[in-house]
Protein backbone atom coordinates (compact mmCIF):
# COMPACT_ATOMS: atom_id res chain seq x y z
CA MET A 1 30.07 18.65 -3.01
CA ALA A 2 31.20 15.06 -3.40
CA ASN A 3 29.06 12.67 -5.42
CA ALA A 4 27.01 10.14 -3.46
CA VAL A 5 28.65 6.75 -3.22
CA ARG A 6 26.67 4.13 -5.12
CA PRO A 7 26.10 1.25 -2.66
CA ASN A 8 26.42 -2.42 -3.54
CA VAL A 9 22.98 -3.86 -2.96
CA HIS A 10 21.53 -7.35 -3.01
CA MET A 11 18.08 -8.84 -2.43
CA ARG A 12 17.15 -11.18 0.38
CA PRO A 13 13.88 -12.55 1.79
CA LEU A 14 12.29 -10.16 4.26
CA SER A 15 12.60 -11.53 7.77
CA LEU A 16 9.72 -11.32 10.22
CA ASP A 17 11.91 -10.09 13.09
CA TRP A 18 11.11 -6.70 14.60
CA THR A 19 14.10 -4.90 13.06
CA SER A 20 13.31 -5.98 9.50
CA ILE A 21 9.57 -5.33 9.80
CA SER A 22 10.16 -1.89 11.31
CA ALA A 23 12.67 -0.91 8.61
CA ALA A 24 10.38 -2.10 5.81
CA ALA A 25 7.45 -0.19 7.28
CA GLN A 26 9.50 3.01 7.46
CA THR A 27 10.66 2.52 3.87
CA LEU A 28 7.07 2.26 2.65
CA SER A 29 6.03 5.40 4.51
CA LEU A 30 8.99 7.50 3.39
CA SER A 31 9.07 6.30 -0.22
CA PHE A 32 5.37 7.04 -0.79
CA ALA A 33 4.93 10.12 1.39
CA ASN A 34 4.75 12.40 -1.67
CA ASP A 35 3.21 9.90 -4.06
CA PRO A 36 0.31 11.46 -6.04
CA LEU A 37 -2.15 8.77 -4.93
CA ILE A 38 -1.20 9.03 -1.26
CA ARG A 39 -1.39 12.83 -1.36
CA TRP A 40 -4.86 12.56 -2.92
CA LEU A 41 -5.96 10.15 -0.18
CA TYR A 42 -4.92 12.50 2.64
CA ARG A 43 -7.77 14.18 4.53
CA ARG A 44 -5.57 17.28 4.85
CA PRO A 45 -3.33 17.52 1.77
CA THR A 46 -1.34 20.41 3.27
CA GLY A 47 -0.92 18.82 6.69
CA PRO A 48 1.53 16.22 7.98
CA GLY A 49 1.53 12.82 6.32
CA TRP A 50 3.51 9.65 5.90
CA GLU A 51 6.83 11.49 6.11
CA SER A 52 6.10 12.11 9.81
CA LEU A 53 6.46 8.38 10.68
CA GLU A 54 3.77 8.95 13.29
CA PRO A 55 3.59 5.94 15.70
CA THR A 56 0.03 5.01 14.68
CA LEU A 57 1.10 5.01 11.04
CA GLN A 58 4.16 2.89 11.86
CA GLN A 59 1.97 0.34 13.64
CA TRP A 60 -0.36 0.15 10.61
CA GLN A 61 2.52 -0.20 8.16
CA GLU A 62 4.16 -2.93 10.25
CA ALA A 63 0.91 -4.91 10.24
CA ARG A 64 0.71 -4.43 6.48
CA VAL A 65 4.29 -5.65 6.00
CA ARG A 66 3.67 -8.73 8.14
CA GLU A 67 0.54 -9.65 6.19
CA TYR A 68 2.18 -9.18 2.78
CA THR A 69 5.20 -11.24 3.86
CA VAL A 70 3.05 -14.08 5.15
CA ARG A 71 0.57 -14.13 2.27
CA GLY A 72 2.97 -13.34 -0.56
CA ILE A 73 6.68 -12.95 -1.25
CA GLY A 74 8.41 -10.21 0.73
CA MET A 75 11.91 -9.13 -0.27
CA GLU A 76 14.22 -6.38 0.90
CA ALA A 77 17.15 -4.68 -0.77
CA VAL A 78 20.11 -4.43 1.60
CA THR A 79 23.59 -3.00 1.32
CA ASP A 80 26.56 -5.36 1.29
CA GLY A 81 28.94 -5.49 4.23
CA GLU A 82 29.22 -6.64 7.82
CA MET A 83 26.35 -4.38 8.89
CA PRO A 84 23.82 -4.44 6.02
CA SER A 85 21.29 -1.64 5.87
CA SER A 86 17.79 -2.03 4.43
CA VAL A 87 17.29 0.44 1.56
CA GLY A 88 14.29 -0.96 -0.32
CA VAL A 89 11.42 -3.42 -0.16
CA CYS A 90 9.01 -5.14 -2.52
CA PHE A 91 6.08 -7.52 -2.30
CA LEU A 92 5.07 -9.91 -5.06
CA PHE A 93 1.95 -12.08 -4.99
CA PRO A 94 2.16 -15.30 -7.02
CA PRO A 95 -0.85 -16.70 -8.91
CA LEU A 96 -1.53 -19.18 -6.11
CA PRO A 97 -0.88 -18.23 -2.47
CA PRO A 98 1.95 -20.13 -0.79
CA ARG A 99 0.60 -22.77 1.59
CA ARG A 100 2.83 -21.76 4.45
CA TRP A 101 0.21 -22.67 7.04
CA LEU A 102 1.20 -26.30 6.41
CA ASN A 103 4.58 -25.52 7.98
CA PRO A 104 4.39 -25.21 11.80
CA LEU A 105 7.33 -22.80 11.71
CA TRP A 106 5.01 -20.25 10.06
CA TRP A 107 2.18 -20.61 12.58
CA PRO A 108 3.38 -17.80 14.90
CA ALA A 109 3.54 -15.43 11.92
CA TYR A 110 0.02 -16.37 10.83
CA PHE A 111 -1.24 -15.91 14.36
CA ARG A 112 0.29 -12.42 14.51
CA VAL A 113 -1.41 -11.46 11.23
CA LEU A 114 -4.75 -12.67 12.57
CA TRP A 115 -4.09 -10.87 15.86
CA ASP A 116 -3.55 -7.61 13.96
CA GLN A 117 -6.66 -8.10 11.83
CA TYR A 118 -9.16 -9.09 14.50
CA TRP A 119 -7.86 -7.66 17.78
CA VAL A 120 -5.34 -4.84 17.27
CA ARG A 121 -6.93 -3.47 14.08
CA PRO A 122 -4.32 -0.77 13.44
CA LYS A 123 -5.66 2.18 11.48
CA GLU A 124 -3.92 4.43 8.98
CA PRO A 125 -4.25 7.93 10.53
CA PHE A 126 -4.06 10.36 7.61
CA THR A 127 -6.31 9.20 4.77
CA ASP A 128 -9.97 9.75 3.97
CA GLU A 129 -12.17 6.63 4.11
CA GLY A 130 -14.37 7.80 1.24
CA ARG A 131 -11.39 8.21 -1.06
CA ILE A 132 -10.01 4.86 0.13
CA GLY A 133 -13.28 3.28 -1.00
CA ILE A 134 -13.04 4.92 -4.42
CA MET A 135 -9.48 3.65 -4.81
CA MET A 136 -10.30 0.10 -3.76
CA ASP A 137 -13.32 -0.10 -6.08
CA ALA A 138 -11.13 0.99 -9.00
CA HIS A 139 -8.42 -1.47 -8.00
CA TYR A 140 -10.69 -4.51 -7.82
CA GLU A 141 -12.51 -3.62 -11.03
CA SER A 142 -9.27 -3.23 -13.00
CA ALA A 143 -7.65 -6.28 -11.40
CA GLU A 144 -10.58 -8.51 -12.39
CA LYS A 145 -10.54 -7.12 -15.92
CA ILE A 146 -6.82 -7.81 -16.28
CA LYS A 147 -7.10 -11.31 -14.77
CA SER A 148 -9.79 -12.18 -17.32
CA ARG A 149 -7.22 -11.80 -20.10
CA TYR A 150 -5.11 -14.69 -18.81
CA PRO A 151 -5.60 -18.35 -17.90
CA PRO A 152 -6.75 -18.95 -14.31
CA ASN A 153 -4.02 -18.95 -11.67
CA SER A 154 -1.33 -17.69 -14.04
CA LEU A 155 -0.98 -13.99 -13.21
CA TYR A 156 1.44 -12.47 -10.69
CA TYR A 157 0.70 -9.15 -9.00
CA MET A 158 3.44 -6.79 -7.87
CA GLU A 159 1.80 -5.19 -4.87
CA ILE A 160 4.40 -2.56 -4.11
CA ALA A 161 8.06 -1.63 -4.45
CA GLY A 162 9.64 1.17 -2.46
CA VAL A 163 13.10 2.68 -2.07
CA ARG A 164 14.28 4.87 0.78
CA PRO A 165 14.37 8.47 -0.50
CA ASP A 166 17.96 9.00 0.66
CA THR A 167 19.13 6.22 -1.70
CA GLN A 168 16.99 7.05 -4.74
CA GLY A 169 19.06 7.45 -7.89
CA MET A 170 21.65 4.92 -6.66
CA GLY A 171 20.29 1.94 -8.57
CA VAL A 172 18.32 0.34 -5.73
CA GLY A 173 15.10 0.30 -7.75
CA GLY A 174 16.91 -1.45 -10.58
CA VAL A 175 18.18 -4.15 -8.22
CA ILE A 176 14.63 -4.73 -6.99
CA MET A 177 13.16 -4.93 -10.48
CA LYS A 178 15.90 -7.26 -11.70
CA TRP A 179 14.93 -9.66 -8.92
CA VAL A 180 11.26 -9.30 -9.88
CA VAL A 181 11.76 -10.10 -13.57
CA ASP A 182 14.12 -12.97 -12.74
CA ARG A 183 11.43 -14.41 -10.48
CA LEU A 184 8.72 -13.92 -13.11
CA GLY A 185 10.55 -15.43 -16.06
CA GLU A 186 7.91 -15.52 -18.81
CA SER A 187 4.97 -15.57 -16.37
CA PRO A 188 2.54 -12.66 -16.75
CA CYS A 189 2.40 -9.99 -14.07
CA PHE A 190 0.56 -6.73 -13.52
CA LEU A 191 1.14 -3.72 -11.33
CA GLU A 192 -0.64 -0.53 -10.38
CA CYS A 193 1.59 2.49 -10.97
CA THR A 194 0.49 5.56 -9.03
CA ASN A 195 2.93 8.08 -10.49
CA ASP A 196 3.21 8.71 -14.24
CA LYS A 197 6.89 9.58 -13.77
CA ASN A 198 7.58 5.90 -13.03
CA ILE A 199 5.97 4.48 -16.19
CA ALA A 200 9.17 4.68 -18.24
CA PHE A 201 11.09 2.96 -15.44
CA TYR A 202 8.77 -0.05 -15.47
CA GLU A 203 8.81 -0.15 -19.26
CA LYS A 204 12.55 -0.86 -19.08
CA TYR A 205 11.68 -4.15 -17.39
CA GLY A 206 9.14 -5.30 -19.93
CA PHE A 207 5.95 -3.80 -18.53
CA LYS A 208 3.57 -1.95 -20.84
CA LEU A 209 0.78 0.48 -20.06
CA LEU A 210 -2.59 -1.22 -20.39
CA GLU A 211 -5.10 1.13 -18.82
CA GLU A 212 -5.39 4.49 -17.10
CA LYS A 213 -8.08 5.04 -14.49
CA LYS A 214 -8.87 8.48 -13.13
CA LEU A 215 -10.05 8.71 -9.53
CA SER A 216 -12.09 11.75 -8.53
CA HIS A 217 -13.89 12.90 -5.43
CA ASP A 218 -16.75 15.37 -5.85
CA VAL A 219 -16.45 16.75 -2.33
CA ILE A 220 -12.89 18.01 -2.71
CA ARG A 221 -12.97 18.35 -6.53
CA SER A 222 -9.58 16.77 -6.98
CA SER A 223 -8.36 13.74 -8.88
CA THR A 224 -5.47 11.37 -9.40
CA THR A 225 -4.75 8.64 -11.94
CA LEU A 226 -3.83 4.97 -11.62
CA TYR A 227 -1.76 3.39 -14.39
CA TYR A 228 -2.18 -0.36 -14.85
CA MET A 229 0.78 -2.07 -16.48
CA VAL A 230 1.34 -5.67 -17.54
CA ARG A 231 4.36 -7.76 -18.38
CA ASP A 232 3.66 -10.83 -20.52
CA LYS A 233 4.90 -12.65 -23.60
CA GLU A 234 3.35 -10.03 -25.87
CA SER A 235 5.07 -7.13 -24.10
CA LEU A 236 8.34 -9.09 -24.19
CA GLY A 237 7.95 -9.82 -27.90
CA LEU A 238 7.82 -13.60 -27.36
């Protein structure tokens, strides 16, 4: 069997057109379909999940992508060539939100985000609301604890980075993280790793493990662990 061809990939800002939003939403679903946290959140762990790309899920993911792109920095990894293909996506939130509402060109995008939030209200179809609440409580508690270690309005947050499963192992994740660390420079940043197998990968880019938080649910007697990692001058040896 021939070896997979390693694609040439570059980063570009995520567009808000339908094609880009749809591709990014699919990437998020497929790249995290078997993630330990997502599997723990499922109401039926042995049933269908994010890999199904069910239309209701796609609608929810597209709304999520639009919001992250408007409120933060959305980037996609695309292959080089005349017909580039989207193979990865990431979202980075700077210490202060960009004031894009001051630019009339962004008003339609803001309106669509508000339309999703207050009128459409898309719903993720597979996860358990009780476990979602447990996850969000842990997230906010740890985020506030980490933020307290740094000066106000100085900390970036890497919300998510995902690579299409059919291109994993081809260096796409490395291209994404190189863009992230170039953007960060020496600014501190934290992320929430949901799979312990990815800790070593993030460590290659200057992140260090700060805290582990176990999530458990008495009803189903199962658990998963969140790994909070930071990248700052100390972790970089500066």
